[in-house]
Amino acid sequence: MDDDAIRRGCDALRPVAQSRGVAFLLNDRPDLAAATGCDGVHVGQEDASYADARAALGTGRIVGITCHASRHLALEAAEAGADYVAFGAFFTSATKHTTKGQADIELLRWWSEIMTVPCVAIGGITVENCAALVEAGADFLAVAGGVWSHPAGPAQAVKAFNAAIARHSR
């Protein structure tokens, strides 16, 4: 996707999220996140470094880091100052192909017991399989196909996710 398309997408979606008190994060592109007024950015290991992302966004915005299934990467990200770490994929995903292997749910439990930096679970998450992630300590769920491909539609998916999260939160 070209930069202009990303800018137009941010300009259309950002106000909707922000008007509802929801942080609007851009994936992979700290430069465009800063330029378009996003609340933050999520970067993967092959994207910008944490230091570059933080430099682009400053101290007042969110920077989250993908850590796959690596405790080491997560500890490094937290030590550097990441606002959250993301683990996954926990399940097979039709949205994004991963070559890093599947993350073990125990990773969420370990992280939530020793760290205060929030963690996000990513990868193939559905209403049907999210309970174990929430119970293990995921602070947030990153969901794409589980919402957009839900048989009853996205609105019903969000309601079902909210109910599942409420039932299974610690």
C-alpha atoms as a PDB file:
ATOM      1  CA  MET A   1       0.000   0.000   0.000  1.00  0.00           C
ATOM      2  CA  ASP A   2       1.418   3.401  -0.875  1.00  0.00           C
ATOM      3  CA  ASP A   3       1.965   6.166   1.668  1.00  0.00           C
ATOM      4  CA  ASP A   4      -0.901   8.312   0.372  1.00  0.00           C
ATOM      5  CA  ALA A   5      -3.361   5.447   0.797  1.00  0.00           C
ATOM      6  CA  ILE A   6      -2.120   4.875   4.338  1.00  0.00           C
ATOM      7  CA  ARG A   7      -2.477   8.585   5.124  1.00  0.00           C
ATOM      8  CA  ARG A   8      -6.047   8.615   3.757  1.00  0.00           C
ATOM      9  CA  GLY A   9      -6.904   5.520   5.789  1.00  0.00           C
ATOM     10  CA  CYS A  10      -5.486   7.069   8.957  1.00  0.00           C
ATOM     11  CA  ASP A  11      -7.326  10.324   8.342  1.00  0.00           C
ATOM     12  CA  ALA A  12     -10.618   8.450   7.918  1.00  0.00           C
ATOM     13  CA  LEU A  13     -10.268   5.982  10.804  1.00  0.00           C
ATOM     14  CA  ARG A  14      -8.252   7.845  13.443  1.00  0.00           C
ATOM     15  CA  PRO A  15     -11.001  10.362  14.350  1.00  0.00           C
ATOM     16  CA  VAL A  16     -13.549   7.563  14.699  1.00  0.00           C
ATOM     17  CA  ALA A  17     -11.369   5.675  17.176  1.00  0.00           C
ATOM     18  CA  GLN A  18     -10.164   8.730  19.071  1.00  0.00           C
ATOM     19  CA  SER A  19     -13.668  10.176  19.439  1.00  0.00           C
ATOM     20  CA  ARG A  20     -14.573   6.982  21.305  1.00  0.00           C
ATOM     21  CA  GLY A  21     -11.540   7.116  23.587  1.00  0.00           C
ATOM     22  CA  VAL A  22      -9.753   4.337  21.709  1.00  0.00           C
ATOM     23  CA  ALA A  23      -6.063   4.657  20.871  1.00  0.00           C
ATOM     24  CA  PHE A  24      -5.368   4.500  17.146  1.00  0.00           C
ATOM     25  CA  LEU A  25      -2.117   2.677  16.348  1.00  0.00           C
ATOM     26  CA  LEU A  26      -0.542   2.258  12.935  1.00  0.00           C
ATOM     27  CA  ASN A  27       1.221  -0.986  12.139  1.00  0.00           C
ATOM     28  CA  ASP A  28       4.860  -1.044  11.000  1.00  0.00           C
ATOM     29  CA  ARG A  29       5.337   2.645  10.101  1.00  0.00           C
ATOM     30  CA  PRO A  30       6.490   5.002  12.866  1.00  0.00           C
ATOM     31  CA  ASP A  31       7.152   7.749  10.331  1.00  0.00           C
ATOM     32  CA  LEU A  32       3.551   7.776   9.102  1.00  0.00           C
ATOM     33  CA  ALA A  33       2.161   7.236  12.598  1.00  0.00           C
ATOM     34  CA  ALA A  34       3.893  10.442  13.687  1.00  0.00           C
ATOM     35  CA  ALA A  35       2.942  12.369  10.552  1.00  0.00           C
ATOM     36  CA  THR A  36      -0.739  11.421  10.687  1.00  0.00           C
ATOM     37  CA  GLY A  37      -1.394  12.033  14.381  1.00  0.00           C
ATOM     38  CA  CYS A  38      -1.760   8.403  15.406  1.00  0.00           C
ATOM     39  CA  ASP A  39      -1.651   7.610  19.093  1.00  0.00           C
ATOM     40  CA  GLY A  40       1.157   5.166  18.490  1.00  0.00           C
ATOM     41  CA  VAL A  41       2.730   2.462  16.394  1.00  0.00           C
ATOM     42  CA  HIS A  42       3.193  -1.287  16.531  1.00  0.00           C
ATOM     43  CA  VAL A  43       6.472  -2.527  15.068  1.00  0.00           C
ATOM     44  CA  GLY A  44       7.621  -6.025  14.268  1.00  0.00           C
ATOM     45  CA  GLN A  45      11.133  -7.351  14.526  1.00  0.00           C
ATOM     46  CA  GLU A  46      11.721  -6.680  10.818  1.00  0.00           C
ATOM     47  CA  ASP A  47      10.310  -3.142  10.963  1.00  0.00           C
ATOM     48  CA  ALA A  48      11.831  -0.127  12.683  1.00  0.00           C
ATOM     49  CA  SER A  49      13.746  -0.639  15.925  1.00  0.00           C
ATOM     50  CA  TYR A  50      12.186   0.428  19.198  1.00  0.00           C
ATOM     51  CA  ALA A  51      14.679   3.317  19.414  1.00  0.00           C
ATOM     52  CA  ASP A  52      13.781   4.553  15.922  1.00  0.00           C
ATOM     53  CA  ALA A  53      10.061   4.236  16.597  1.00  0.00           C
ATOM     54  CA  ARG A  54      10.349   6.115  19.893  1.00  0.00           C
ATOM     55  CA  ALA A  55      12.457   8.818  18.239  1.00  0.00           C
ATOM     56  CA  ALA A  56       9.813   9.270  15.526  1.00  0.00           C
ATOM     57  CA  LEU A  57       6.872   9.406  17.944  1.00  0.00           C
ATOM     58  CA  GLY A  58       8.376  11.021  21.022  1.00  0.00           C
ATOM     59  CA  THR A  59       7.561  10.153  24.595  1.00  0.00           C
ATOM     60  CA  GLY A  60       3.854  10.928  24.563  1.00  0.00           C
ATOM     61  CA  ARG A  61       2.751   8.177  22.174  1.00  0.00           C
ATOM     62  CA  ILE A  62       2.521   4.390  22.337  1.00  0.00           C
ATOM     63  CA  VAL A  63       5.190   2.083  20.928  1.00  0.00           C
ATOM     64  CA  GLY A  64       4.494  -1.642  20.999  1.00  0.00           C
ATOM     65  CA  ILE A  65       6.832  -4.393  19.869  1.00  0.00           C
ATOM     66  CA  THR A  66       6.213  -7.838  18.391  1.00  0.00           C
ATOM     67  CA  CYS A  67       8.209 -10.451  20.284  1.00  0.00           C
ATOM     68  CA  HIS A  68       6.844 -13.626  18.601  1.00  0.00           C
ATOM     69  CA  ALA A  69       7.371 -16.433  21.154  1.00  0.00           C
ATOM     70  CA  SER A  70      10.599 -15.028  22.589  1.00  0.00           C
ATOM     71  CA  ARG A  71      11.013 -14.236  26.261  1.00  0.00           C
ATOM     72  CA  HIS A  72      14.366 -12.668  25.432  1.00  0.00           C
ATOM     73  CA  LEU A  73      12.921 -10.243  22.854  1.00  0.00           C
ATOM     74  CA  ALA A  74      10.126  -9.308  25.251  1.00  0.00           C
ATOM     75  CA  LEU A  75      12.516  -8.586  28.111  1.00  0.00           C
ATOM     76  CA  GLU A  76      14.675  -6.474  25.797  1.00  0.00           C
ATOM     77  CA  ALA A  77      11.636  -4.541  24.559  1.00  0.00           C
ATOM     78  CA  ALA A  78      10.380  -3.892  28.084  1.00  0.00           C
ATOM     79  CA  GLU A  79      13.827  -2.837  29.249  1.00  0.00           C
ATOM     80  CA  ALA A  80      14.107  -0.434  26.312  1.00  0.00           C
ATOM     81  CA  GLY A  81      10.801   1.180  27.310  1.00  0.00           C
ATOM     82  CA  ALA A  82       8.150  -0.415  25.089  1.00  0.00           C
ATOM     83  CA  ASP A  83       4.613   0.416  26.173  1.00  0.00           C
ATOM     84  CA  TYR A  84       3.555  -3.159  25.468  1.00  0.00           C
ATOM     85  CA  VAL A  85       4.910  -6.392  24.052  1.00  0.00           C
ATOM     86  CA  ALA A  86       3.017  -8.657  21.685  1.00  0.00           C
ATOM     87  CA  PHE A  87       3.302 -12.432  21.614  1.00  0.00           C
ATOM     88  CA  GLY A  88       2.083 -14.785  18.922  1.00  0.00           C
ATOM     89  CA  ALA A  89       0.907 -16.273  16.769  1.00  0.00           C
ATOM     90  CA  PHE A  90      -1.011 -18.437  19.206  1.00  0.00           C
ATOM     91  CA  PHE A  91      -3.193 -20.063  16.569  1.00  0.00           C
ATOM     92  CA  THR A  92      -3.093 -20.503  12.821  1.00  0.00           C
ATOM     93  CA  SER A  93      -4.116 -17.286  11.139  1.00  0.00           C
ATOM     94  CA  ALA A  94      -5.590 -16.693   7.725  1.00  0.00           C
ATOM     95  CA  THR A  95      -4.770 -12.973   8.060  1.00  0.00           C
ATOM     96  CA  LYS A  96      -0.992 -13.116   8.278  1.00  0.00           C
ATOM     97  CA  HIS A  97       1.391 -15.968   7.543  1.00  0.00           C
ATOM     98  CA  THR A  98       4.034 -16.549  10.189  1.00  0.00           C
ATOM     99  CA  THR A  99       7.296 -18.417   9.934  1.00  0.00           C
ATOM    100  CA  LYS A 100       8.225 -17.958  13.595  1.00  0.00           C
ATOM    101  CA  GLY A 101       6.279 -20.927  14.950  1.00  0.00           C
ATOM    102  CA  GLN A 102       3.383 -20.987  17.345  1.00  0.00           C
ATOM    103  CA  ALA A 103       3.603 -19.286  20.731  1.00  0.00           C
ATOM    104  CA  ASP A 104       2.722 -21.274  23.851  1.00  0.00           C
ATOM    105  CA  ILE A 105      -0.048 -19.849  26.034  1.00  0.00           C
ATOM    106  CA  GLU A 106       2.209 -20.403  29.065  1.00  0.00           C
ATOM    107  CA  LEU A 107       4.264 -17.450  27.777  1.00  0.00           C
ATOM    108  CA  LEU A 108       1.386 -15.093  28.664  1.00  0.00           C
ATOM    109  CA  ARG A 109       1.142 -16.537  32.167  1.00  0.00           C
ATOM    110  CA  TRP A 110       4.902 -16.160  32.717  1.00  0.00           C
ATOM    111  CA  TRP A 111       4.905 -12.568  31.459  1.00  0.00           C
ATOM    112  CA  SER A 112       1.893 -11.438  33.471  1.00  0.00           C
ATOM    113  CA  GLU A 113       3.341 -12.900  36.682  1.00  0.00           C
ATOM    114  CA  ILE A 114       6.715 -11.145  36.457  1.00  0.00           C
ATOM    115  CA  MET A 115       6.155  -7.947  34.458  1.00  0.00           C
ATOM    116  CA  THR A 116       3.995  -4.834  34.656  1.00  0.00           C
ATOM    117  CA  VAL A 117       4.389  -3.986  30.959  1.00  0.00           C
ATOM    118  CA  PRO A 118       1.143  -5.071  29.274  1.00  0.00           C
ATOM    119  CA  CYS A 119       1.119  -7.939  26.789  1.00  0.00           C
ATOM    120  CA  VAL A 120      -0.924  -8.475  23.669  1.00  0.00           C
ATOM    121  CA  ALA A 121      -1.847 -11.861  22.207  1.00  0.00           C
ATOM    122  CA  ILE A 122      -1.807 -12.065  18.410  1.00  0.00           C
ATOM    123  CA  GLY A 123      -2.602 -14.669  15.817  1.00  0.00           C
ATOM    124  CA  GLY A 124      -5.700 -16.580  14.793  1.00  0.00           C
ATOM    125  CA  ILE A 125      -7.752 -15.392  17.755  1.00  0.00           C
ATOM    126  CA  THR A 126     -11.484 -16.072  17.643  1.00  0.00           C
ATOM    127  CA  VAL A 127     -14.361 -15.802  20.071  1.00  0.00           C
ATOM    128  CA  GLU A 128     -14.099 -19.568  20.514  1.00  0.00           C
ATOM    129  CA  ASN A 129     -10.396 -19.685  21.442  1.00  0.00           C
ATOM    130  CA  CYS A 130      -9.789 -16.384  23.240  1.00  0.00           C
ATOM    131  CA  ALA A 131     -10.732 -17.548  26.753  1.00  0.00           C
ATOM    132  CA  ALA A 132      -7.454 -19.383  27.380  1.00  0.00           C
ATOM    133  CA  LEU A 133      -5.438 -16.307  26.330  1.00  0.00           C
ATOM    134  CA  VAL A 134      -7.387 -14.001  28.636  1.00  0.00           C
ATOM    135  CA  GLU A 135      -7.185 -16.460  31.527  1.00  0.00           C
ATOM    136  CA  ALA A 136      -3.416 -16.794  30.998  1.00  0.00           C
ATOM    137  CA  GLY A 137      -2.940 -13.047  31.371  1.00  0.00           C
ATOM    138  CA  ALA A 138      -3.216 -11.366  27.980  1.00  0.00           C
ATOM    139  CA  ASP A 139      -3.984  -7.718  28.638  1.00  0.00           C
ATOM    140  CA  PHE A 140      -5.156  -7.176  25.057  1.00  0.00           C
ATOM    141  CA  LEU A 141      -6.133  -9.293  22.081  1.00  0.00           C
ATOM    142  CA  ALA A 142      -5.131  -8.302  18.549  1.00  0.00           C
ATOM    143  CA  VAL A 143      -7.924  -9.620  16.366  1.00  0.00           C
ATOM    144  CA  ALA A 144      -8.557  -9.237  12.645  1.00  0.00           C
ATOM    145  CA  GLY A 145     -10.155 -12.276  11.012  1.00  0.00           C
ATOM    146  CA  GLY A 146     -11.949 -13.180  14.241  1.00  0.00           C
ATOM    147  CA  VAL A 147     -13.956  -9.966  13.848  1.00  0.00           C
ATOM    148  CA  TRP A 148     -14.160  -9.410  10.088  1.00  0.00           C
ATOM    149  CA  SER A 149     -14.869 -13.075   9.235  1.00  0.00           C
ATOM    150  CA  HIS A 150     -17.287 -13.777  12.086  1.00  0.00           C
ATOM    151  CA  PRO A 151     -20.405 -15.538  10.729  1.00  0.00           C
ATOM    152  CA  ALA A 152     -22.769 -13.074  12.465  1.00  0.00           C
ATOM    153  CA  GLY A 153     -20.781 -10.032  11.304  1.00  0.00           C
ATOM    154  CA  PRO A 154     -18.245  -7.707  12.913  1.00  0.00           C
ATOM    155  CA  ALA A 155     -20.614  -6.010  15.363  1.00  0.00           C
ATOM    156  CA  GLN A 156     -21.735  -9.332  16.818  1.00  0.00           C
ATOM    157  CA  ALA A 157     -18.123 -10.507  16.944  1.00  0.00           C
ATOM    158  CA  VAL A 158     -17.107  -7.500  19.041  1.00  0.00           C
ATOM    159  CA  LYS A 159     -20.009  -8.113  21.427  1.00  0.00           C
ATOM    160  CA  ALA A 160     -19.074 -11.777  21.726  1.00  0.00           C
ATOM    161  CA  PHE A 161     -15.394 -10.941  22.326  1.00  0.00           C
ATOM    162  CA  ASN A 162     -16.325  -8.397  25.001  1.00  0.00           C
ATOM    163  CA  ALA A 163     -18.514 -10.962  26.749  1.00  0.00           C
ATOM    164  CA  ALA A 164     -15.800 -13.644  26.584  1.00  0.00           C
ATOM    165  CA  ILE A 165     -13.187 -11.226  27.921  1.00  0.00           C
ATOM    166  CA  ALA A 166     -15.461 -10.194  30.803  1.00  0.00           C
ATOM    167  CA  ARG A 167     -16.143 -13.858  31.690  1.00  0.00           C
ATOM    168  CA  HIS A 168     -12.499 -14.933  31.640  1.00  0.00           C
ATOM    169  CA  SER A 169     -10.573 -11.906  32.959  1.00  0.00           C
ATOM    170  CA  ARG A 170      -8.616 -12.392  36.150  1.00  0.00           C
END
